[in-house]
Protein backbone atom coordinates (compact mmCIF):
# COMPACT_ATOMS: atom_id res chain seq x y z
CA UNK A 1 4.56 10.21 -5.58
CA UNK A 2 5.62 11.63 -2.28
CA UNK A 3 4.28 9.44 0.11
CA UNK A 4 3.45 12.74 2.28
CA UNK A 5 0.37 13.82 4.18
CA UNK A 6 -2.05 16.23 2.07
CA UNK A 7 -1.44 18.53 5.08
CA UNK A 8 2.40 18.04 4.51
CA UNK A 9 1.74 19.75 1.42
CA UNK A 10 -1.42 21.80 0.66
CA UNK A 11 -1.99 24.79 3.00
CA UNK A 12 -5.22 24.71 5.18
CA UNK A 13 -7.02 27.49 7.13
CA UNK A 14 -7.66 24.49 9.46
CA UNK A 15 -3.99 23.32 10.22
CA UNK A 16 -1.34 25.36 11.91
CA UNK A 17 1.28 23.24 9.81
CA UNK A 18 3.44 24.77 7.49
CA UNK A 19 2.97 23.31 4.03
CA UNK A 20 5.35 22.71 1.06
CA UNK A 21 7.23 26.31 0.31
CA UNK A 22 8.42 26.82 -3.49
CA UNK A 23 11.95 27.33 -1.22
CA UNK A 24 12.04 23.63 -0.16
CA UNK A 25 12.00 22.48 -3.88
CA UNK A 26 15.48 21.45 -5.07
CA UNK A 27 15.11 21.69 -8.63
CA UNK A 28 18.75 20.55 -9.63
CA UNK A 29 18.62 17.46 -7.42
CA UNK A 30 14.98 17.01 -7.86
CA UNK A 31 14.51 16.47 -3.58
CA UNK A 32 11.54 18.09 -1.72
CA UNK A 33 11.58 19.03 2.05
CA UNK A 34 8.75 17.62 3.59
CA UNK A 35 7.81 18.74 7.39
CA UNK A 36 5.99 16.30 9.16
CA UNK A 37 2.85 17.07 9.84
CA UNK A 38 1.92 14.54 12.54
CA UNK A 39 3.91 16.60 15.20
CA UNK A 40 2.38 17.72 18.09
CA UNK A 41 5.35 20.41 19.09
CA UNK A 42 5.11 22.41 15.57
CA UNK A 43 8.35 24.65 17.27
CA UNK A 44 10.56 21.79 16.48
CA UNK A 45 10.58 21.01 12.62
CA UNK A 46 11.11 17.41 11.40
CA UNK A 47 11.90 17.26 7.92
CA UNK A 48 12.58 14.51 5.56
CA UNK A 49 13.75 15.12 2.17
CA UNK A 50 12.08 13.14 -0.90
CA UNK A 51 13.53 12.36 -4.31
CA UNK A 52 11.21 12.64 -7.16
CA UNK A 53 11.05 11.44 -10.74
CA UNK A 54 11.39 13.78 -13.31
CA UNK A 55 7.89 13.44 -14.39
CA UNK A 56 6.45 14.49 -10.96
CA UNK A 57 9.39 17.51 -10.93
CA UNK A 58 7.50 18.69 -13.79
CA UNK A 59 4.03 18.46 -12.59
CA UNK A 60 5.27 20.37 -9.50
CA UNK A 61 6.72 22.44 -11.74
CA UNK A 62 3.47 23.42 -13.49
CA UNK A 63 1.78 23.93 -10.04
CA UNK A 64 4.27 26.26 -8.86
CA UNK A 65 4.15 28.34 -11.92
CA UNK A 66 0.47 28.29 -11.73
CA UNK A 67 0.40 30.38 -7.94
CA UNK A 68 1.09 33.86 -7.50
CA UNK A 69 4.49 35.16 -6.93
CA UNK A 70 3.82 36.27 -3.90
CA UNK A 71 2.42 33.10 -2.74
CA UNK A 72 5.03 31.13 -0.56
CA UNK A 73 3.85 27.69 -0.73
CA UNK A 74 4.46 25.43 -4.03
CA UNK A 75 0.29 24.50 -4.03
CA UNK A 76 -2.26 27.12 -4.65
CA UNK A 77 -5.09 27.09 -1.47
CA UNK A 78 -7.87 24.91 -1.78
CA UNK A 79 -11.13 25.85 0.08
CA UNK A 80 -12.80 22.35 0.19
CA UNK A 81 -10.39 19.25 -0.78
CA UNK A 82 -12.82 16.43 0.28
CA UNK A 83 -15.27 18.00 -1.98
CA UNK A 84 -12.94 18.31 -4.88
CA UNK A 85 -11.68 14.84 -4.57
CA UNK A 86 -15.11 13.37 -4.20
CA UNK A 87 -16.02 15.18 -7.94
CA UNK A 88 -12.61 13.63 -9.30
CA UNK A 89 -13.52 10.49 -8.84
CA UNK A 90 -17.49 11.06 -10.15
CA UNK A 91 -15.99 12.33 -13.08
CA UNK A 92 -13.57 9.15 -13.25
CA UNK A 93 -16.16 6.72 -12.65
CA UNK A 94 -14.36 5.56 -9.33
CA UNK A 95 -16.69 4.41 -6.30
CA UNK A 96 -16.31 5.97 -2.98
CA UNK A 97 -17.18 2.91 -1.17
CA UNK A 98 -15.14 -0.39 -2.31
CA UNK A 99 -17.22 -3.72 -2.26
CA UNK A 100 -15.44 -4.49 1.14
CA UNK A 101 -17.22 -1.54 2.52
CA UNK A 102 -13.64 0.58 2.64
CA UNK A 103 -14.12 4.36 1.69
CA UNK A 104 -11.71 5.89 -0.51
CA UNK A 105 -10.06 9.26 0.92
CA UNK A 106 -7.35 11.22 -0.35
CA UNK A 107 -5.22 9.36 2.96
CA UNK A 108 -5.68 6.31 0.84
CA UNK A 109 -2.48 7.16 -2.01
CA UNK A 110 -0.65 7.28 0.95
CA UNK A 111 -1.28 4.00 1.96
CA UNK A 112 -0.69 2.88 -1.70
CA UNK A 113 2.58 4.66 -1.72
CA UNK A 114 3.70 2.94 1.43
CA UNK A 115 3.16 -0.61 0.03
CA UNK A 116 4.55 0.40 -3.35
CA UNK A 117 7.88 1.75 -1.59
CA UNK A 118 7.95 -1.33 0.85
CA UNK A 119 8.05 -3.59 -2.07
CA UNK A 120 10.34 -1.55 -4.01
CA UNK A 121 12.47 -0.75 -0.78
CA UNK A 122 12.55 -5.01 -0.33
CA UNK A 123 10.56 -5.08 2.96
CA UNK A 124 13.29 -3.04 5.05
CA UNK A 125 10.77 -1.51 7.52
CA UNK A 126 13.92 0.86 8.09
CA UNK A 127 14.01 2.30 4.61
CA UNK A 128 10.28 2.88 4.93
CA UNK A 129 9.98 4.80 7.96
CA UNK A 130 12.55 6.90 6.62
CA UNK A 131 10.56 7.34 3.28
CA UNK A 132 7.10 8.16 5.12
CA UNK A 133 8.30 9.75 8.36
CA UNK A 134 6.90 7.10 10.72
CA UNK A 135 7.91 7.68 14.22
CA UNK A 136 6.82 4.41 14.95
CA UNK A 137 8.98 1.10 13.20
CA UNK A 138 5.92 -1.12 13.76
CA UNK A 139 3.79 1.34 11.40
CA UNK A 140 5.94 0.79 8.78
CA UNK A 141 6.43 -2.65 8.98
CA UNK A 142 2.85 -2.93 8.10
CA UNK A 143 3.64 -2.28 4.54
CA UNK A 144 6.12 -4.77 4.43
CA UNK A 145 5.30 -7.86 3.12
CA UNK A 146 7.67 -10.63 2.95
CA UNK A 147 7.90 -12.50 -0.57
CA UNK A 148 9.77 -15.49 -1.31
CA UNK A 149 12.48 -14.93 -3.41
CA UNK A 150 11.91 -15.75 -7.33
CA UNK A 151 15.16 -17.89 -8.13
CA UNK A 152 13.86 -20.68 -6.11
CA UNK A 153 11.18 -21.50 -8.36
CA UNK A 154 13.55 -21.07 -11.48
CA UNK A 155 16.56 -23.34 -10.11
CA UNK A 156 14.25 -26.42 -8.67
CA UNK A 157 11.94 -26.28 -12.61
CA UNK A 158 15.52 -26.07 -14.24
CA UNK A 159 16.88 -29.26 -11.88
CA UNK A 160 13.69 -31.32 -12.25
CA UNK A 161 13.64 -30.47 -16.10
CA UNK A 162 17.13 -32.27 -15.89
CA UNK A 163 16.42 -35.16 -14.62
CA UNK A 164 14.64 -38.33 -16.13
CA UNK A 165 10.66 -38.42 -16.37
CA UNK A 166 10.40 -34.74 -15.13
CA UNK A 167 8.43 -33.79 -12.01
CA UNK A 168 6.17 -36.99 -12.12
CA UNK A 169 9.13 -39.65 -12.51
CA UNK A 170 11.09 -37.90 -9.59
CA UNK A 171 7.59 -38.20 -7.39
CA UNK A 172 7.49 -41.81 -8.45
CA UNK A 173 10.87 -42.73 -7.78
CA UNK A 174 11.23 -41.04 -4.45
CA UNK A 175 8.14 -42.87 -3.18
CA UNK A 176 9.23 -46.29 -4.05
CA UNK A 177 12.69 -45.68 -2.49
CA UNK A 178 11.39 -45.12 1.14
CA UNK A 179 9.18 -47.88 0.31
CA UNK A 180 11.34 -50.34 -0.81
CA UNK A 181 14.53 -49.00 1.94
CA UNK A 182 12.34 -47.38 4.75
């Protein structure tokens, strides 16, 4: 629900990245501070603020309450996320590899989020870049699919329905006029 990478949220012994901390959640304004996990220099912290909906905030609140008070991270540490993810797919009856041969991973959900946010933000790559923390605008542009405005077909249909004979009559009239007058 934030488009965050797994390493940006959950502690891992394999990574030197600092995950989401309890103190970085602004409960009142429904904002979460996410540190980019893609930076090579961890001494410089690149942080983006992401607003979450009330349902996501409630799930986050339950997760924070499930951690010990001395644990600074918002999420509990896990020993093997890949194994847990695979077990969840089995329980849900979801295939690990789709018909196109593409493997489903936890990171797949970031791509899905990026596509949804791209559509919601009107295919604006600069807003997608800000929401996902991409360093390159070309990465964000992949998720911005231009769509034809939905108002054009409605207006066209209304205009055509007001003419005599509807669509068929208009096509025949135009064809006749072209042949007769050139």
